[in-house]
Amino acid sequence: MSKHNTPPEAYKADWLKSMDKRTSIAQDLQQRHIALCDDLGGIDTLSYQQRALIDRFLWIEYWLQREEANLASGGEFDSGRYTQAVNALAGLVNKLGLQRQKRELSLNQYVKGKQ
């Protein structure tokens, strides 16, 4: 599997895993993935559907940031596509939730985390 420096132009399943982890963009996106999963109770508690929505959320968020950078630098900007992406992102947030979820920890997990 070839490694990419940036996310693909079109969404593909497992796009985050196919990125070169040495790049700052991949590291940033990985951190966002971890943060979002943690906010939703931890990766181990998430269903397949939630994990799929998280991947799509991150890809759309990245795409929106690129479009905003294009607009700021005077580049090409399609307000219709941008608005659709914002609405899609809002829909994903609606499904995933805005509130942090408690993470259930066993005593062993707690002790290991303190070490």
PDB file of N, CA and C in Angstrom:
ATOM      1  N   MET A   1       0.845  -1.168   0.000  1.00  0.00           N
ATOM      2  CA  MET A   1       0.000   0.000   0.000  1.00  0.00           C
ATOM      3  C   MET A   1       0.895   1.237   0.000  1.00  0.00           C
ATOM      4  N   SER A   2       0.680   2.137  -0.954  1.00  0.00           N
ATOM      5  CA  SER A   2       1.497   3.348  -0.993  1.00  0.00           C
ATOM      6  C   SER A   2       0.984   4.348   0.032  1.00  0.00           C
ATOM      7  N   LYS A   3       1.899   5.100   0.593  1.00  0.00           N
ATOM      8  CA  LYS A   3       1.566   6.091   1.612  1.00  0.00           C
ATOM      9  C   LYS A   3       1.426   7.457   0.956  1.00  0.00           C
ATOM     10  N   HIS A   4       0.428   8.223   1.398  1.00  0.00           N
ATOM     11  CA  HIS A   4       0.161   9.548   0.855  1.00  0.00           C
ATOM     12  C   HIS A   4       0.584  10.617   1.849  1.00  0.00           C
ATOM     13  N   ASN A   5       0.981  11.769   1.314  1.00  0.00           N
ATOM     14  CA  ASN A   5       1.364  12.889   2.164  1.00  0.00           C
ATOM     15  C   ASN A   5       0.164  13.708   2.609  1.00  0.00           C
ATOM     16  N   THR A   6      -0.911  13.679   1.827  1.00  0.00           N
ATOM     17  CA  THR A   6      -2.131  14.407   2.157  1.00  0.00           C
ATOM     18  C   THR A   6      -3.323  13.491   1.912  1.00  0.00           C
ATOM     19  N   PRO A   7      -4.475  13.833   2.485  1.00  0.00           N
ATOM     20  CA  PRO A   7      -5.674  13.039   2.206  1.00  0.00           C
ATOM     21  C   PRO A   7      -5.996  13.053   0.713  1.00  0.00           C
ATOM     22  N   PRO A   8      -6.680  12.029   0.220  1.00  0.00           N
ATOM     23  CA  PRO A   8      -7.023  11.991  -1.203  1.00  0.00           C
ATOM     24  C   PRO A   8      -8.035  13.087  -1.558  1.00  0.00           C
ATOM     25  N   GLU A   9      -8.107  13.433  -2.829  1.00  0.00           N
ATOM     26  CA  GLU A   9      -9.065  14.455  -3.283  1.00  0.00           C
ATOM     27  C   GLU A   9     -10.505  13.993  -3.074  1.00  0.00           C
ATOM     28  N   ALA A  10     -10.773  12.717  -3.314  1.00  0.00           N
ATOM     29  CA  ALA A  10     -12.106  12.154  -3.106  1.00  0.00           C
ATOM     30  C   ALA A  10     -12.036  11.194  -1.922  1.00  0.00           C
ATOM     31  N   TYR A  11     -13.123  11.110  -1.175  1.00  0.00           N
ATOM     32  CA  TYR A  11     -13.140  10.248   0.013  1.00  0.00           C
ATOM     33  C   TYR A  11     -12.957   8.790  -0.390  1.00  0.00           C
ATOM     34  N   LYS A  12     -12.113   8.091   0.350  1.00  0.00           N
ATOM     35  CA  LYS A  12     -11.902   6.650   0.190  1.00  0.00           C
ATOM     36  C   LYS A  12     -11.857   6.037   1.575  1.00  0.00           C
ATOM     37  N   ALA A  13     -12.410   4.848   1.709  1.00  0.00           N
ATOM     38  CA  ALA A  13     -12.369   4.161   3.003  1.00  0.00           C
ATOM     39  C   ALA A  13     -10.920   3.972   3.427  1.00  0.00           C
ATOM     40  N   ASP A  14     -10.666   4.089   4.707  1.00  0.00           N
ATOM     41  CA  ASP A  14      -9.321   3.914   5.288  1.00  0.00           C
ATOM     42  C   ASP A  14      -8.300   4.914   4.759  1.00  0.00           C
ATOM     43  N   TRP A  15      -8.763   6.095   4.363  1.00  0.00           N
ATOM     44  CA  TRP A  15      -7.842   7.104   3.844  1.00  0.00           C
ATOM     45  C   TRP A  15      -6.822   7.539   4.887  1.00  0.00           C
ATOM     46  N   LEU A  16      -7.244   7.588   6.144  1.00  0.00           N
ATOM     47  CA  LEU A  16      -6.328   8.037   7.193  1.00  0.00           C
ATOM     48  C   LEU A  16      -5.198   7.027   7.404  1.00  0.00           C
ATOM     49  N   LYS A  17      -5.525   5.748   7.305  1.00  0.00           N
ATOM     50  CA  LYS A  17      -4.503   4.712   7.476  1.00  0.00           C
ATOM     51  C   LYS A  17      -3.498   4.694   6.332  1.00  0.00           C
ATOM     52  N   SER A  18      -3.907   5.201   5.163  1.00  0.00           N
ATOM     53  CA  SER A  18      -3.012   5.165   4.001  1.00  0.00           C
ATOM     54  C   SER A  18      -2.055   6.354   3.955  1.00  0.00           C
ATOM     55  N   MET A  19      -2.174   7.259   4.928  1.00  0.00           N
ATOM     56  CA  MET A  19      -1.296   8.434   4.928  1.00  0.00           C
ATOM     57  C   MET A  19       0.058   8.120   5.564  1.00  0.00           C
ATOM     58  N   ASP A  20       1.070   8.802   5.085  1.00  0.00           N
ATOM     59  CA  ASP A  20       2.419   8.664   5.617  1.00  0.00           C
ATOM     60  C   ASP A  20       2.451   9.308   7.006  1.00  0.00           C
ATOM     61  N   LYS A  21       2.586   8.496   8.040  1.00  0.00           N
ATOM     62  CA  LYS A  21       2.498   8.963   9.430  1.00  0.00           C
ATOM     63  C   LYS A  21       3.645   9.902   9.817  1.00  0.00           C
ATOM     64  N   ARG A  22       4.652  10.015   8.962  1.00  0.00           N
ATOM     65  CA  ARG A  22       5.777  10.906   9.254  1.00  0.00           C
ATOM     66  C   ARG A  22       5.448  12.355   8.938  1.00  0.00           C
ATOM     67  N   THR A  23       4.387  12.587   8.166  1.00  0.00           N
ATOM     68  CA  THR A  23       4.047  13.957   7.785  1.00  0.00           C
ATOM     69  C   THR A  23       3.272  14.659   8.891  1.00  0.00           C
ATOM     70  N   SER A  24       3.421  15.976   8.958  1.00  0.00           N
ATOM     71  CA  SER A  24       2.725  16.738   9.997  1.00  0.00           C
ATOM     72  C   SER A  24       1.219  16.698   9.805  1.00  0.00           C
ATOM     73  N   ILE A  25       0.776  16.656   8.569  1.00  0.00           N
ATOM     74  CA  ILE A  25      -0.669  16.597   8.293  1.00  0.00           C
ATOM     75  C   ILE A  25      -1.255  15.289   8.818  1.00  0.00           C
ATOM     76  N   ALA A  26      -0.584  14.180   8.577  1.00  0.00           N
ATOM     77  CA  ALA A  26      -1.067  12.882   9.055  1.00  0.00           C
ATOM     78  C   ALA A  26      -1.055  12.838  10.578  1.00  0.00           C
ATOM     79  N   GLN A  27      -0.031  13.396  11.177  1.00  0.00           N
ATOM     80  CA  GLN A  27       0.051  13.424  12.642  1.00  0.00           C
ATOM     81  C   GLN A  27      -1.066  14.272  13.233  1.00  0.00           C
ATOM     82  N   ASP A  28      -1.342  15.423  12.621  1.00  0.00           N
ATOM     83  CA  ASP A  28      -2.430  16.290  13.079  1.00  0.00           C
ATOM     84  C   ASP A  28      -3.775  15.581  12.959  1.00  0.00           C
ATOM     85  N   LEU A  29      -4.015  14.952  11.816  1.00  0.00           N
ATOM     86  CA  LEU A  29      -5.283  14.257  11.619  1.00  0.00           C
ATOM     87  C   LEU A  29      -5.424  13.066  12.567  1.00  0.00           C
ATOM     88  N   GLN A  30      -4.327  12.381  12.837  1.00  0.00           N
ATOM     89  CA  GLN A  30      -4.360  11.273  13.781  1.00  0.00           C
ATOM     90  C   GLN A  30      -4.706  11.780  15.181  1.00  0.00           C
ATOM     91  N   GLN A  31      -4.135  12.921  15.566  1.00  0.00           N
ATOM     92  CA  GLN A  31      -4.454  13.518  16.872  1.00  0.00           C
ATOM     93  C   GLN A  31      -5.932  13.899  16.954  1.00  0.00           C
ATOM     94  N   ARG A  32      -6.454  14.455  15.864  1.00  0.00           N
ATOM     95  CA  ARG A  32      -7.877  14.806  15.837  1.00  0.00           C
ATOM     96  C   ARG A  32      -8.747  13.555  15.952  1.00  0.00           C
ATOM     97  N   HIS A  33      -8.333  12.486  15.283  1.00  0.00           N
ATOM     98  CA  HIS A  33      -9.073  11.224  15.340  1.00  0.00           C
ATOM     99  C   HIS A  33      -9.124  10.710  16.773  1.00  0.00           C
ATOM    100  N   ILE A  34      -7.979  10.719  17.427  1.00  0.00           N
ATOM    101  CA  ILE A  34      -7.907  10.258  18.813  1.00  0.00           C
ATOM    102  C   ILE A  34      -8.782  11.131  19.710  1.00  0.00           C
ATOM    103  N   ALA A  35      -8.684  12.452  19.548  1.00  0.00           N
ATOM    104  CA  ALA A  35      -9.459  13.377  20.379  1.00  0.00           C
ATOM    105  C   ALA A  35     -10.960  13.166  20.193  1.00  0.00           C
ATOM    106  N   LEU A  36     -11.387  13.009  18.953  1.00  0.00           N
ATOM    107  CA  LEU A  36     -12.815  12.816  18.686  1.00  0.00           C
ATOM    108  C   LEU A  36     -13.303  11.488  19.248  1.00  0.00           C
ATOM    109  N   CYS A  37     -12.525  10.433  19.047  1.00  0.00           N
ATOM    110  CA  CYS A  37     -12.901   9.125  19.596  1.00  0.00           C
ATOM    111  C   CYS A  37     -12.951   9.171  21.121  1.00  0.00           C
ATOM    112  N   ASP A  38     -11.975   9.829  21.727  1.00  0.00           N
ATOM    113  CA  ASP A  38     -11.953   9.956  23.189  1.00  0.00           C
ATOM    114  C   ASP A  38     -13.167  10.735  23.688  1.00  0.00           C
ATOM    115  N   ASP A  39     -13.531  11.807  22.988  1.00  0.00           N
ATOM    116  CA  ASP A  39     -14.704  12.591  23.386  1.00  0.00           C
ATOM    117  C   ASP A  39     -15.989  11.774  23.315  1.00  0.00           C
ATOM    118  N   LEU A  40     -15.996  10.771  22.460  1.00  0.00           N
ATOM    119  CA  LEU A  40     -17.185   9.940  22.305  1.00  0.00           C
ATOM    120  C   LEU A  40     -17.135   8.675  23.165  1.00  0.00           C
ATOM    121  N   GLY A  41     -16.196   8.620  24.106  1.00  0.00           N
ATOM    122  CA  GLY A  41     -16.141   7.504  25.036  1.00  0.00           C
ATOM    123  C   GLY A  41     -15.010   6.530  24.799  1.00  0.00           C
ATOM    124  N   GLY A  42     -14.189   6.757  23.795  1.00  0.00           N
ATOM    125  CA  GLY A  42     -13.060   5.868  23.521  1.00  0.00           C
ATOM    126  C   GLY A  42     -13.328   4.972  22.322  1.00  0.00           C
ATOM    127  N   ILE A  43     -12.289   4.694  21.560  1.00  0.00           N
ATOM    128  CA  ILE A  43     -12.413   3.910  20.329  1.00  0.00           C
ATOM    129  C   ILE A  43     -13.034   2.538  20.579  1.00  0.00           C
ATOM    130  N   ASP A  44     -12.745   1.955  21.738  1.00  0.00           N
ATOM    131  CA  ASP A  44     -13.254   0.612  22.028  1.00  0.00           C
ATOM    132  C   ASP A  44     -14.766   0.576  22.246  1.00  0.00           C
ATOM    133  N   THR A  45     -15.353   1.726  22.562  1.00  0.00           N
ATOM    134  CA  THR A  45     -16.796   1.768  22.821  1.00  0.00           C
ATOM    135  C   THR A  45     -17.605   2.129  21.587  1.00  0.00           C
ATOM    136  N   LEU A  46     -16.923   2.514  20.503  1.00  0.00           N
ATOM    137  CA  LEU A  46     -17.623   3.007  19.314  1.00  0.00           C
ATOM    138  C   LEU A  46     -18.041   1.876  18.389  1.00  0.00           C
ATOM    139  N   SER A  47     -19.204   2.046  17.815  1.00  0.00           N
ATOM    140  CA  SER A  47     -19.693   1.078  16.834  1.00  0.00           C
ATOM    141  C   SER A  47     -18.981   1.311  15.499  1.00  0.00           C
ATOM    142  N   TYR A  48     -19.126   0.352  14.604  1.00  0.00           N
ATOM    143  CA  TYR A  48     -18.569   0.504  13.254  1.00  0.00           C
ATOM    144  C   TYR A  48     -19.135   1.768  12.600  1.00  0.00           C
ATOM    145  N   GLN A  49     -20.428   1.995  12.780  1.00  0.00           N
ATOM    146  CA  GLN A  49     -21.076   3.150  12.168  1.00  0.00           C
ATOM    147  C   GLN A  49     -20.481   4.457  12.691  1.00  0.00           C
ATOM    148  N   GLN A  50     -20.238   4.529  13.989  1.00  0.00           N
ATOM    149  CA  GLN A  50     -19.641   5.737  14.555  1.00  0.00           C
ATOM    150  C   GLN A  50     -18.230   5.953  14.021  1.00  0.00           C
ATOM    151  N   ARG A  51     -17.450   4.886  13.943  1.00  0.00           N
ATOM    152  CA  ARG A  51     -16.083   5.017  13.428  1.00  0.00           C
ATOM    153  C   ARG A  51     -16.090   5.477  11.967  1.00  0.00           C
ATOM    154  N   ALA A  52     -17.048   4.976  11.180  1.00  0.00           N
ATOM    155  CA  ALA A  52     -17.161   5.394   9.780  1.00  0.00           C
ATOM    156  C   ALA A  52     -17.526   6.876   9.688  1.00  0.00           C
ATOM    157  N   LEU A  53     -18.430   7.334  10.546  1.00  0.00           N
ATOM    158  CA  LEU A  53     -18.812   8.748  10.548  1.00  0.00           C
ATOM    159  C   LEU A  53     -17.650   9.637  10.989  1.00  0.00           C
ATOM    160  N   ILE A  54     -16.858   9.170  11.937  1.00  0.00           N
ATOM    161  CA  ILE A  54     -15.692   9.928  12.399  1.00  0.00           C
ATOM    162  C   ILE A  54     -14.700  10.118  11.255  1.00  0.00           C
ATOM    163  N   ASP A  55     -14.429   9.065  10.487  1.00  0.00           N
ATOM    164  CA  ASP A  55     -13.515   9.177   9.346  1.00  0.00           C
ATOM    165  C   ASP A  55     -14.021  10.212   8.348  1.00  0.00           C
ATOM    166  N   ARG A  56     -15.309  10.178   8.084  1.00  0.00           N
ATOM    167  CA  ARG A  56     -15.890  11.131   7.138  1.00  0.00           C
ATOM    168  C   ARG A  56     -15.865  12.554   7.693  1.00  0.00           C
ATOM    169  N   PHE A  57     -16.129  12.689   8.982  1.00  0.00           N
ATOM    170  CA  PHE A  57     -16.065  13.999   9.631  1.00  0.00           C
ATOM    171  C   PHE A  57     -14.679  14.613   9.441  1.00  0.00           C
ATOM    172  N   LEU A  58     -13.640  13.840   9.718  1.00  0.00           N
ATOM    173  CA  LEU A  58     -12.278  14.348   9.616  1.00  0.00           C
ATOM    174  C   LEU A  58     -11.926  14.739   8.186  1.00  0.00           C
ATOM    175  N   TRP A  59     -12.382  13.933   7.217  1.00  0.00           N
ATOM    176  CA  TRP A  59     -12.077  14.232   5.817  1.00  0.00           C
ATOM    177  C   TRP A  59     -12.777  15.515   5.390  1.00  0.00           C
ATOM    178  N   ILE A  60     -14.049  15.683   5.736  1.00  0.00           N
ATOM    179  CA  ILE A  60     -14.789  16.895   5.370  1.00  0.00           C
ATOM    180  C   ILE A  60     -14.193  18.110   6.080  1.00  0.00           C
ATOM    181  N   GLU A  61     -13.828  17.954   7.350  1.00  0.00           N
ATOM    182  CA  GLU A  61     -13.218  19.059   8.083  1.00  0.00           C
ATOM    183  C   GLU A  61     -11.921  19.499   7.399  1.00  0.00           C
ATOM    184  N   TYR A  62     -11.103  18.544   6.983  1.00  0.00           N
ATOM    185  CA  TYR A  62      -9.856  18.864   6.292  1.00  0.00           C
ATOM    186  C   TYR A  62     -10.153  19.584   4.971  1.00  0.00           C
ATOM    187  N   TRP A  63     -11.131  19.089   4.213  1.00  0.00           N
ATOM    188  CA  TRP A  63     -11.498  19.686   2.932  1.00  0.00           C
ATOM    189  C   TRP A  63     -11.960  21.133   3.140  1.00  0.00           C
ATOM    190  N   LEU A  64     -12.780  21.351   4.172  1.00  0.00           N
ATOM    191  CA  LEU A  64     -13.253  22.707   4.466  1.00  0.00           C
ATOM    192  C   LEU A  64     -12.091  23.646   4.797  1.00  0.00           C
ATOM    193  N   GLN A  65     -11.145  23.164   5.552  1.00  0.00           N
ATOM    194  CA  GLN A  65      -9.991  24.001   5.904  1.00  0.00           C
ATOM    195  C   GLN A  65      -9.175  24.368   4.666  1.00  0.00           C
ATOM    196  N   ARG A  66      -9.054  23.430   3.745  1.00  0.00           N
ATOM    197  CA  ARG A  66      -8.349  23.725   2.479  1.00  0.00           C
ATOM    198  C   ARG A  66      -9.093  24.789   1.681  1.00  0.00           C
ATOM    199  N   GLU A  67     -10.419  24.660   1.632  1.00  0.00           N
ATOM    200  CA  GLU A  67     -11.228  25.639   0.905  1.00  0.00           C
ATOM    201  C   GLU A  67     -11.130  27.021   1.549  1.00  0.00           C
ATOM    202  N   GLU A  68     -11.114  27.062   2.878  1.00  0.00           N
ATOM    203  CA  GLU A  68     -10.983  28.338   3.583  1.00  0.00           C
ATOM    204  C   GLU A  68      -9.627  28.971   3.292  1.00  0.00           C
ATOM    205  N   ALA A  69      -8.577  28.152   3.209  1.00  0.00           N
ATOM    206  CA  ALA A  69      -7.246  28.669   2.865  1.00  0.00           C
ATOM    207  C   ALA A  69      -7.241  29.208   1.436  1.00  0.00           C
ATOM    208  N   ASN A  70      -7.932  28.520   0.518  1.00  0.00           N
ATOM    209  CA  ASN A  70      -8.052  29.011  -0.863  1.00  0.00           C
ATOM    210  C   ASN A  70      -8.739  30.371  -0.888  1.00  0.00           C
ATOM    211  N   LEU A  71      -9.823  30.507  -0.152  1.00  0.00           N
ATOM    212  CA  LEU A  71     -10.558  31.768  -0.102  1.00  0.00           C
ATOM    213  C   LEU A  71      -9.677  32.882   0.466  1.00  0.00           C
ATOM    214  N   ALA A  72      -8.974  32.579   1.546  1.00  0.00           N
ATOM    215  CA  ALA A  72      -8.128  33.587   2.202  1.00  0.00           C
ATOM    216  C   ALA A  72      -6.994  34.055   1.301  1.00  0.00           C
ATOM    217  N   SER A  73      -6.503  33.172   0.442  1.00  0.00           N
ATOM    218  CA  SER A  73      -5.384  33.542  -0.431  1.00  0.00           C
ATOM    219  C   SER A  73      -5.854  34.049  -1.798  1.00  0.00           C
ATOM    220  N   GLY A  74      -7.162  34.212  -1.954  1.00  0.00           N
ATOM    221  CA  GLY A  74      -7.688  34.730  -3.215  1.00  0.00           C
ATOM    222  C   GLY A  74      -7.817  33.686  -4.295  1.00  0.00           C
ATOM    223  N   GLY A  75      -7.721  32.433  -3.919  1.00  0.00           N
ATOM    224  CA  GLY A  75      -7.844  31.343  -4.885  1.00  0.00           C
ATOM    225  C   GLY A  75      -9.287  31.050  -5.246  1.00  0.00           C
ATOM    226  N   GLU A  76      -9.461  30.002  -6.015  1.00  0.00           N
ATOM    227  CA  GLU A  76     -10.788  29.588  -6.455  1.00  0.00           C
ATOM    228  C   GLU A  76     -11.615  29.112  -5.262  1.00  0.00           C
ATOM    229  N   PHE A  77     -12.874  29.536  -5.207  1.00  0.00           N
ATOM    230  CA  PHE A  77     -13.750  29.182  -4.089  1.00  0.00           C
ATOM    231  C   PHE A  77     -15.165  29.015  -4.605  1.00  0.00           C
ATOM    232  N   ASP A  78     -15.760  27.873  -4.303  1.00  0.00           N
ATOM    233  CA  ASP A  78     -17.139  27.572  -4.698  1.00  0.00           C
ATOM    234  C   ASP A  78     -17.997  27.607  -3.437  1.00  0.00           C
ATOM    235  N   SER A  79     -18.750  28.678  -3.255  1.00  0.00           N
ATOM    236  CA  SER A  79     -19.531  28.838  -2.025  1.00  0.00           C
ATOM    237  C   SER A  79     -20.617  27.778  -1.895  1.00  0.00           C
ATOM    238  N   GLY A  80     -21.144  27.293  -3.007  1.00  0.00           N
ATOM    239  CA  GLY A  80     -22.164  26.248  -2.964  1.00  0.00           C
ATOM    240  C   GLY A  80     -21.609  24.935  -2.419  1.00  0.00           C
ATOM    241  N   ARG A  81     -20.463  24.520  -2.936  1.00  0.00           N
ATOM    242  CA  ARG A  81     -19.823  23.288  -2.444  1.00  0.00           C
ATOM    243  C   ARG A  81     -19.413  23.444  -0.985  1.00  0.00           C
ATOM    244  N   TYR A  82     -18.919  24.629  -0.654  1.00  0.00           N
ATOM    245  CA  TYR A  82     -18.503  24.892   0.715  1.00  0.00           C
ATOM    246  C   TYR A  82     -19.707  24.772   1.664  1.00  0.00           C
ATOM    247  N   THR A  83     -20.816  25.383   1.290  1.00  0.00           N
ATOM    248  CA  THR A  83     -22.028  25.335   2.123  1.00  0.00           C
ATOM    249  C   THR A  83     -22.533  23.908   2.272  1.00  0.00           C
ATOM    250  N   GLN A  84     -22.510  23.152   1.195  1.00  0.00           N
ATOM    251  CA  GLN A  84     -22.923  21.743   1.266  1.00  0.00           C
ATOM    252  C   GLN A  84     -22.035  20.958   2.229  1.00  0.00           C
ATOM    253  N   ALA A  85     -20.734  21.221   2.181  1.00  0.00           N
ATOM    254  CA  ALA A  85     -19.804  20.510   3.061  1.00  0.00           C
ATOM    255  C   ALA A  85     -20.028  20.902   4.522  1.00  0.00           C
ATOM    256  N   VAL A  86     -20.278  22.184   4.778  1.00  0.00           N
ATOM    257  CA  VAL A  86     -20.564  22.627   6.149  1.00  0.00           C
ATOM    258  C   VAL A  86     -21.826  21.930   6.653  1.00  0.00           C
ATOM    259  N   ASN A  87     -22.845  21.858   5.813  1.00  0.00           N
ATOM    260  CA  ASN A  87     -24.082  21.186   6.205  1.00  0.00           C
ATOM    261  C   ASN A  87     -23.857  19.694   6.453  1.00  0.00           C
ATOM    262  N   ALA A  88     -23.025  19.070   5.622  1.00  0.00           N
ATOM    263  CA  ALA A  88     -22.709  17.648   5.820  1.00  0.00           C
ATOM    264  C   ALA A  88     -21.961  17.466   7.140  1.00  0.00           C
ATOM    265  N   LEU A  89     -21.020  18.346   7.424  1.00  0.00           N
ATOM    266  CA  LEU A  89     -20.262  18.274   8.672  1.00  0.00           C
ATOM    267  C   LEU A  89     -21.200  18.442   9.868  1.00  0.00           C
ATOM    268  N   ALA A  90     -22.112  19.403   9.777  1.00  0.00           N
ATOM    269  CA  ALA A  90     -23.078  19.622  10.858  1.00  0.00           C
ATOM    270  C   ALA A  90     -23.967  18.394  11.055  1.00  0.00           C
ATOM    271  N   GLY A  91     -24.340  17.750   9.966  1.00  0.00           N
ATOM    272  CA  GLY A  91     -25.140  16.528  10.062  1.00  0.00           C
ATOM    273  C   GLY A  91     -24.386  15.404  10.763  1.00  0.00           C
ATOM    274  N   LEU A  92     -23.093  15.281  10.470  1.00  0.00           N
ATOM    275  CA  LEU A  92     -22.280  14.261  11.131  1.00  0.00           C
ATOM    276  C   LEU A  92     -22.138  14.562  12.617  1.00  0.00           C
ATOM    277  N   VAL A  93     -21.939  15.836  12.948  1.00  0.00           N
ATOM    278  CA  VAL A  93     -21.839  16.229  14.352  1.00  0.00           C
ATOM    279  C   VAL A  93     -23.154  15.911  15.065  1.00  0.00           C
ATOM    280  N   ASN A  94     -24.264  16.162  14.378  1.00  0.00           N
ATOM    281  CA  ASN A  94     -25.581  15.846  14.942  1.00  0.00           C
ATOM    282  C   ASN A  94     -25.700  14.365  15.278  1.00  0.00           C
ATOM    283  N   LYS A  95     -25.224  13.514  14.386  1.00  0.00           N
ATOM    284  CA  LYS A  95     -25.299  12.058  14.599  1.00  0.00           C
ATOM    285  C   LYS A  95     -24.331  11.602  15.683  1.00  0.00           C
ATOM    286  N   LEU A  96     -23.130  12.173  15.692  1.00  0.00           N
ATOM    287  CA  LEU A  96     -22.115  11.750  16.650  1.00  0.00           C
ATOM    288  C   LEU A  96     -22.356  12.345  18.037  1.00  0.00           C
ATOM    289  N   GLY A  97     -22.876  13.555  18.074  1.00  0.00           N
ATOM    290  CA  GLY A  97     -23.154  14.215  19.344  1.00  0.00           C
ATOM    291  C   GLY A  97     -22.137  15.294  19.652  1.00  0.00           C
ATOM    292  N   LEU A  98     -22.590  16.272  20.429  1.00  0.00           N
ATOM    293  CA  LEU A  98     -21.736  17.398  20.803  1.00  0.00           C
ATOM    294  C   LEU A  98     -21.139  17.238  22.195  1.00  0.00           C
ATOM    295  N   GLN A  99     -21.718  16.389  22.995  1.00  0.00           N
ATOM    296  CA  GLN A  99     -21.292  16.239  24.387  1.00  0.00           C
ATOM    297  C   GLN A  99     -20.259  15.129  24.527  1.00  0.00           C
ATOM    298  N   ARG A 100     -19.314  15.362  25.428  1.00  0.00           N
ATOM    299  CA  ARG A 100     -18.343  14.313  25.743  1.00  0.00           C
ATOM    300  C   ARG A 100     -19.061  13.172  26.456  1.00  0.00           C
ATOM    301  N   GLN A 101     -18.614  11.977  26.185  1.00  0.00           N
ATOM    302  CA  GLN A 101     -19.162  10.794  26.819  1.00  0.00           C
ATOM    303  C   GLN A 101     -18.195  10.306  27.888  1.00  0.00           C
ATOM    304  N   LYS A 102     -18.755   9.825  28.980  1.00  0.00           N
ATOM    305  CA  LYS A 102     -17.898   9.264  30.026  1.00  0.00           C
ATOM    306  C   LYS A 102     -17.238   8.003  29.503  1.00  0.00           C
ATOM    307  N   ARG A 103     -16.028   7.828  29.921  1.00  0.00           N
ATOM    308  CA  ARG A 103     -15.282   6.636  29.530  1.00  0.00           C
ATOM    309  C   ARG A 103     -15.212   5.719  30.732  1.00  0.00           C
ATOM    310  N   GLU A 104     -15.669   4.507  30.548  1.00  0.00           N
ATOM    311  CA  GLU A 104     -15.633   3.522  31.623  1.00  0.00           C
ATOM    312  C   GLU A 104     -14.233   2.920  31.692  1.00  0.00           C
ATOM    313  N   LEU A 105     -13.641   2.964  32.868  1.00  0.00           N
ATOM    314  CA  LEU A 105     -12.316   2.387  33.071  1.00  0.00           C
ATOM    315  C   LEU A 105     -12.377   1.329  34.166  1.00  0.00           C
ATOM    316  N   SER A 106     -11.649   0.253  33.938  1.00  0.00           N
ATOM    317  CA  SER A 106     -11.501  -0.737  34.993  1.00  0.00           C
ATOM    318  C   SER A 106     -10.396  -0.245  35.934  1.00  0.00           C
ATOM    319  N   LEU A 107     -10.293  -0.837  37.094  1.00  0.00           N
ATOM    320  CA  LEU A 107      -9.242  -0.470  38.036  1.00  0.00           C
ATOM    321  C   LEU A 107      -7.865  -0.709  37.420  1.00  0.00           C
ATOM    322  N   ASN A 108      -7.718  -1.808  36.680  1.00  0.00           N
ATOM    323  CA  ASN A 108      -6.432  -2.099  36.010  1.00  0.00           C
ATOM    324  C   ASN A 108      -6.068  -1.016  35.009  1.00  0.00           C
ATOM    325  N   GLN A 109      -7.044  -0.561  34.210  1.00  0.00           N
ATOM    326  CA  GLN A 109      -6.777   0.491  33.237  1.00  0.00           C
ATOM    327  C   GLN A 109      -6.379   1.792  33.929  1.00  0.00           C
ATOM    328  N   TYR A 110      -7.027   2.083  35.024  1.00  0.00           N
ATOM    329  CA  TYR A 110      -6.729   3.302  35.783  1.00  0.00           C
ATOM    330  C   TYR A 110      -5.302   3.251  36.338  1.00  0.00           C
ATOM    331  N   VAL A 111      -4.942   2.122  36.921  1.00  0.00           N
ATOM    332  CA  VAL A 111      -3.607   1.962  37.506  1.00  0.00           C
ATOM    333  C   VAL A 111      -2.549   2.045  36.399  1.00  0.00           C
ATOM    334  N   LYS A 112      -2.789   1.390  35.256  1.00  0.00           N
ATOM    335  CA  LYS A 112      -1.831   1.441  34.141  1.00  0.00           C
ATOM    336  C   LYS A 112      -1.676   2.867  33.618  1.00  0.00           C
ATOM    337  N   GLY A 113      -2.755   3.618  33.600  1.00  0.00           N
ATOM    338  CA  GLY A 113      -2.711   4.998  33.128  1.00  0.00           C
ATOM    339  C   GLY A 113      -1.919   5.898  34.056  1.00  0.00           C
ATOM    340  N   LYS A 114      -1.869   5.553  35.334  1.00  0.00           N
ATOM    341  CA  LYS A 114      -1.133   6.362  36.320  1.00  0.00           C
ATOM    342  C   LYS A 114       0.369   6.098  36.258  1.00  0.00           C
ATOM    343  N   GLN A 115       0.779   4.986  35.643  1.00  0.00           N
ATOM    344  CA  GLN A 115       2.203   4.629  35.607  1.00  0.00           C
ATOM    345  C   GLN A 115       2.956   5.386  34.547  1.00  0.00           C
TER     346      GLN A 115
END
